[in-house]
PDB file of N, CA and C in Angstrom:
ATOM      1  N   MET A   1     -30.947 -13.653  -4.381  1.00  0.00           N
ATOM      2  CA  MET A   1     -29.611 -14.227  -4.249  1.00  0.00           C
ATOM      3  C   MET A   1     -29.678 -15.322  -3.186  1.00  0.00           C
ATOM      4  N   THR A   2     -29.124 -16.468  -3.500  1.00  0.00           N
ATOM      5  CA  THR A   2     -29.147 -17.573  -2.557  1.00  0.00           C
ATOM      6  C   THR A   2     -27.738 -17.905  -2.110  1.00  0.00           C
ATOM      7  N   ILE A   3     -27.631 -18.335  -0.879  1.00  0.00           N
ATOM      8  CA  ILE A   3     -26.340 -18.761  -0.337  1.00  0.00           C
ATOM      9  C   ILE A   3     -26.334 -20.279  -0.331  1.00  0.00           C
ATOM     10  N   SER A   4     -25.489 -20.860  -1.200  1.00  0.00           N
ATOM     11  CA  SER A   4     -25.487 -22.317  -1.311  1.00  0.00           C
ATOM     12  C   SER A   4     -24.672 -22.963  -0.193  1.00  0.00           C
ATOM     13  N   ASP A   5     -23.507 -22.394   0.097  1.00  0.00           N
ATOM     14  CA  ASP A   5     -22.632 -22.973   1.118  1.00  0.00           C
ATOM     15  C   ASP A   5     -22.032 -21.835   1.935  1.00  0.00           C
ATOM     16  N   PRO A   6     -22.363 -21.714   3.207  1.00  0.00           N
ATOM     17  CA  PRO A   6     -21.858 -20.577   3.994  1.00  0.00           C
ATOM     18  C   PRO A   6     -20.344 -20.592   4.165  1.00  0.00           C
ATOM     19  N   GLY A   7     -19.707 -21.731   3.983  1.00  0.00           N
ATOM     20  CA  GLY A   7     -18.255 -21.788   4.136  1.00  0.00           C
ATOM     21  C   GLY A   7     -17.496 -21.418   2.878  1.00  0.00           C
ATOM     22  N   LYS A   8     -18.158 -21.417   1.739  1.00  0.00           N
ATOM     23  CA  LYS A   8     -17.494 -21.113   0.469  1.00  0.00           C
ATOM     24  C   LYS A   8     -17.603 -19.632   0.161  1.00  0.00           C
ATOM     25  N   SER A   9     -16.561 -19.089  -0.459  1.00  0.00           N
ATOM     26  CA  SER A   9     -16.573 -17.689  -0.847  1.00  0.00           C
ATOM     27  C   SER A   9     -17.414 -17.518  -2.110  1.00  0.00           C
ATOM     28  N   PRO A  10     -18.312 -16.548  -2.147  1.00  0.00           N
ATOM     29  CA  PRO A  10     -19.118 -16.353  -3.354  1.00  0.00           C
ATOM     30  C   PRO A  10     -18.309 -15.799  -4.525  1.00  0.00           C
ATOM     31  N   MET A  11     -17.120 -15.267  -4.254  1.00  0.00           N
ATOM     32  CA  MET A  11     -16.302 -14.678  -5.313  1.00  0.00           C
ATOM     33  C   MET A  11     -15.352 -15.691  -5.947  1.00  0.00           C
ATOM     34  N   ASN A  12     -15.444 -16.948  -5.548  1.00  0.00           N
ATOM     35  CA  ASN A  12     -14.595 -18.028  -6.075  1.00  0.00           C
ATOM     36  C   ASN A  12     -13.105 -17.760  -5.859  1.00  0.00           C
ATOM     37  N   HIS A  13     -12.779 -17.183  -4.724  1.00  0.00           N
ATOM     38  CA  HIS A  13     -11.371 -16.976  -4.380  1.00  0.00           C
ATOM     39  C   HIS A  13     -10.772 -18.303  -3.932  1.00  0.00           C
ATOM     40  N   PRO A  14      -9.456 -18.479  -4.133  1.00  0.00           N
ATOM     41  CA  PRO A  14      -8.834 -19.701  -3.604  1.00  0.00           C
ATOM     42  C   PRO A  14      -8.824 -19.671  -2.083  1.00  0.00           C
ATOM     43  N   ASP A  15      -8.759 -20.839  -1.491  1.00  0.00           N
ATOM     44  CA  ASP A  15      -8.719 -20.914  -0.030  1.00  0.00           C
ATOM     45  C   ASP A  15      -7.473 -20.226   0.500  1.00  0.00           C
ATOM     46  N   GLU A  16      -7.572 -19.701   1.720  1.00  0.00           N
ATOM     47  CA  GLU A  16      -6.421 -19.042   2.339  1.00  0.00           C
ATOM     48  C   GLU A  16      -5.332 -20.059   2.626  1.00  0.00           C
ATOM     49  N   GLN A  17      -4.104 -19.621   2.475  1.00  0.00           N
ATOM     50  CA  GLN A  17      -2.972 -20.489   2.773  1.00  0.00           C
ATOM     51  C   GLN A  17      -2.820 -20.591   4.287  1.00  0.00           C
ATOM     52  N   PRO A  18      -2.465 -21.745   4.810  1.00  0.00           N
ATOM     53  CA  PRO A  18      -2.270 -21.857   6.260  1.00  0.00           C
ATOM     54  C   PRO A  18      -1.053 -21.049   6.698  1.00  0.00           C
ATOM     55  N   SER A  19      -1.217 -20.289   7.762  1.00  0.00           N
ATOM     56  CA  SER A  19      -0.093 -19.503   8.253  1.00  0.00           C
ATOM     57  C   SER A  19       0.748 -20.363   9.187  1.00  0.00           C
ATOM     58  N   GLY A  20       1.968 -19.954   9.383  1.00  0.00           N
ATOM     59  CA  GLY A  20       2.842 -20.723  10.271  1.00  0.00           C
ATOM     60  C   GLY A  20       4.249 -20.766   9.736  1.00  0.00           C
ATOM     61  N   THR A  21       4.777 -21.963   9.557  1.00  0.00           N
ATOM     62  CA  THR A  21       6.186 -22.100   9.199  1.00  0.00           C
ATOM     63  C   THR A  21       6.494 -21.555   7.809  1.00  0.00           C
ATOM     64  N   ASP A  22       5.533 -21.575   6.886  1.00  0.00           N
ATOM     65  CA  ASP A  22       5.795 -21.066   5.546  1.00  0.00           C
ATOM     66  C   ASP A  22       6.014 -19.556   5.542  1.00  0.00           C
ATOM     67  N   GLY A  23       5.284 -18.817   6.359  1.00  0.00           N
ATOM     68  CA  GLY A  23       5.390 -17.366   6.355  1.00  0.00           C
ATOM     69  C   GLY A  23       6.553 -16.824   7.159  1.00  0.00           C
ATOM     70  N   SER A  24       7.103 -17.616   8.063  1.00  0.00           N
ATOM     71  CA  SER A  24       8.139 -17.111   8.952  1.00  0.00           C
ATOM     72  C   SER A  24       9.438 -16.710   8.240  1.00  0.00           C
ATOM     73  N   PRO A  25      10.017 -17.538   7.363  1.00  0.00           N
ATOM     74  CA  PRO A  25      11.264 -17.123   6.715  1.00  0.00           C
ATOM     75  C   PRO A  25      11.078 -15.881   5.854  1.00  0.00           C
ATOM     76  N   LYS A  26       9.947 -15.765   5.161  1.00  0.00           N
ATOM     77  CA  LYS A  26       9.723 -14.587   4.328  1.00  0.00           C
ATOM     78  C   LYS A  26       9.587 -13.346   5.200  1.00  0.00           C
ATOM     79  N   PHE A  27       8.904 -13.467   6.335  1.00  0.00           N
ATOM     80  CA  PHE A  27       8.754 -12.324   7.216  1.00  0.00           C
ATOM     81  C   PHE A  27      10.107 -11.913   7.788  1.00  0.00           C
ATOM     82  N   GLY A  28      10.938 -12.898   8.150  1.00  0.00           N
ATOM     83  CA  GLY A  28      12.268 -12.580   8.677  1.00  0.00           C
ATOM     84  C   GLY A  28      13.129 -11.892   7.644  1.00  0.00           C
ATOM     85  N   ARG A  29      13.060 -12.369   6.398  1.00  0.00           N
ATOM     86  CA  ARG A  29      13.851 -11.755   5.327  1.00  0.00           C
ATOM     87  C   ARG A  29      13.374 -10.330   5.079  1.00  0.00           C
ATOM     88  N   LEU A  30      12.063 -10.120   5.103  1.00  0.00           N
ATOM     89  CA  LEU A  30      11.517  -8.780   4.912  1.00  0.00           C
ATOM     90  C   LEU A  30      11.971  -7.850   6.033  1.00  0.00           C
ATOM     91  N   LEU A  31      11.973  -8.358   7.253  1.00  0.00           N
ATOM     92  CA  LEU A  31      12.408  -7.551   8.388  1.00  0.00           C
ATOM     93  C   LEU A  31      13.863  -7.139   8.243  1.00  0.00           C
ATOM     94  N   ILE A  32      14.721  -8.058   7.801  1.00  0.00           N
ATOM     95  CA  ILE A  32      16.136  -7.747   7.600  1.00  0.00           C
ATOM     96  C   ILE A  32      16.302  -6.693   6.510  1.00  0.00           C
ATOM     97  N   VAL A  33      15.557  -6.832   5.414  1.00  0.00           N
ATOM     98  CA  VAL A  33      15.648  -5.854   4.321  1.00  0.00           C
ATOM     99  C   VAL A  33      15.191  -4.483   4.789  1.00  0.00           C
ATOM    100  N   LEU A  34      14.127  -4.426   5.578  1.00  0.00           N
ATOM    101  CA  LEU A  34      13.654  -3.135   6.075  1.00  0.00           C
ATOM    102  C   LEU A  34      14.669  -2.487   7.014  1.00  0.00           C
ATOM    103  N   ILE A  35      15.295  -3.278   7.873  1.00  0.00           N
ATOM    104  CA  ILE A  35      16.316  -2.743   8.781  1.00  0.00           C
ATOM    105  C   ILE A  35      17.510  -2.226   7.984  1.00  0.00           C
ATOM    106  N   LEU A  36      17.931  -2.982   6.965  1.00  0.00           N
ATOM    107  CA  LEU A  36      19.052  -2.533   6.136  1.00  0.00           C
ATOM    108  C   LEU A  36      18.706  -1.242   5.398  1.00  0.00           C
ATOM    109  N   ALA A  37      17.467  -1.121   4.926  1.00  0.00           N
ATOM    110  CA  ALA A  37      17.057   0.103   4.236  1.00  0.00           C
ATOM    111  C   ALA A  37      17.108   1.300   5.187  1.00  0.00           C
ATOM    112  N   VAL A  38      16.662   1.109   6.411  1.00  0.00           N
ATOM    113  CA  VAL A  38      16.713   2.195   7.399  1.00  0.00           C
ATOM    114  C   VAL A  38      18.165   2.571   7.691  1.00  0.00           C
ATOM    115  N   LEU A  39      19.039   1.578   7.828  1.00  0.00           N
ATOM    116  CA  LEU A  39      20.454   1.869   8.094  1.00  0.00           C
ATOM    117  C   LEU A  39      21.100   2.626   6.939  1.00  0.00           C
ATOM    118  N   VAL A  40      20.740   2.285   5.709  1.00  0.00           N
ATOM    119  CA  VAL A  40      21.279   3.006   4.550  1.00  0.00           C
ATOM    120  C   VAL A  40      20.808   4.454   4.569  1.00  0.00           C
ATOM    121  N   ILE A  41      19.528   4.677   4.888  1.00  0.00           N
ATOM    122  CA  ILE A  41      19.007   6.049   4.950  1.00  0.00           C
ATOM    123  C   ILE A  41      19.706   6.835   6.054  1.00  0.00           C
ATOM    124  N   VAL A  42      19.944   6.211   7.205  1.00  0.00           N
ATOM    125  CA  VAL A  42      20.648   6.882   8.305  1.00  0.00           C
ATOM    126  C   VAL A  42      22.079   7.215   7.891  1.00  0.00           C
ATOM    127  N   ALA A  43      22.745   6.285   7.208  1.00  0.00           N
ATOM    128  CA  ALA A  43      24.118   6.535   6.754  1.00  0.00           C
ATOM    129  C   ALA A  43      24.157   7.685   5.757  1.00  0.00           C
ATOM    130  N   ILE A  44      23.204   7.740   4.835  1.00  0.00           N
ATOM    131  CA  ILE A  44      23.156   8.840   3.870  1.00  0.00           C
ATOM    132  C   ILE A  44      22.896  10.157   4.586  1.00  0.00           C
ATOM    133  N   THR A  45      22.029  10.136   5.577  1.00  0.00           N
ATOM    134  CA  THR A  45      21.717  11.351   6.324  1.00  0.00           C
ATOM    135  C   THR A  45      22.942  11.878   7.050  1.00  0.00           C
ATOM    136  N   PHE A  46      23.643  10.990   7.789  1.00  0.00           N
ATOM    137  CA  PHE A  46      24.835  11.432   8.508  1.00  0.00           C
ATOM    138  C   PHE A  46      25.945  11.835   7.536  1.00  0.00           C
ATOM    139  N   GLY A  47      26.092  11.124   6.433  1.00  0.00           N
ATOM    140  CA  GLY A  47      27.114  11.471   5.454  1.00  0.00           C
ATOM    141  C   GLY A  47      26.866  12.816   4.814  1.00  0.00           C
ATOM    142  N   SER A  48      25.636  13.096   4.444  1.00  0.00           N
ATOM    143  CA  SER A  48      25.331  14.397   3.832  1.00  0.00           C
ATOM    144  C   SER A  48      25.447  15.520   4.854  1.00  0.00           C
ATOM    145  N   GLU A  49      25.095  15.223   6.092  1.00  0.00           N
ATOM    146  CA  GLU A  49      25.249  16.243   7.152  1.00  0.00           C
ATOM    147  C   GLU A  49      26.718  16.580   7.357  1.00  0.00           C
ATOM    148  N   ALA A  50      27.591  15.577   7.319  1.00  0.00           N
ATOM    149  CA  ALA A  50      29.023  15.810   7.493  1.00  0.00           C
ATOM    150  C   ALA A  50      29.607  16.550   6.297  1.00  0.00           C
ATOM    151  N   MET A  51      29.083  16.283   5.103  1.00  0.00           N
ATOM    152  CA  MET A  51      29.622  16.930   3.905  1.00  0.00           C
ATOM    153  C   MET A  51      29.202  18.385   3.790  1.00  0.00           C
ATOM    154  N   TYR A  52      27.956  18.676   4.125  1.00  0.00           N
ATOM    155  CA  TYR A  52      27.424  20.013   3.868  1.00  0.00           C
ATOM    156  C   TYR A  52      27.420  20.918   5.092  1.00  0.00           C
ATOM    157  N   SER A  53      28.074  20.516   6.170  1.00  0.00           N
ATOM    158  CA  SER A  53      28.103  21.416   7.325  1.00  0.00           C
ATOM    159  C   SER A  53      29.515  21.711   7.750  1.00  0.00           C
TER     160      SER A  53
END
């Protein structure tokens, strides 16, 4: 097996996307969705506790 170019991936994967401003809005949106999901679970927990106790 020969290595033709040490900088190129042997699996022919596309180059990595540059991180920075492109990833920030998606990460922020994901963070908001995760926080909302946790709040919904907490609300269901407290609501069921109030109903069944």
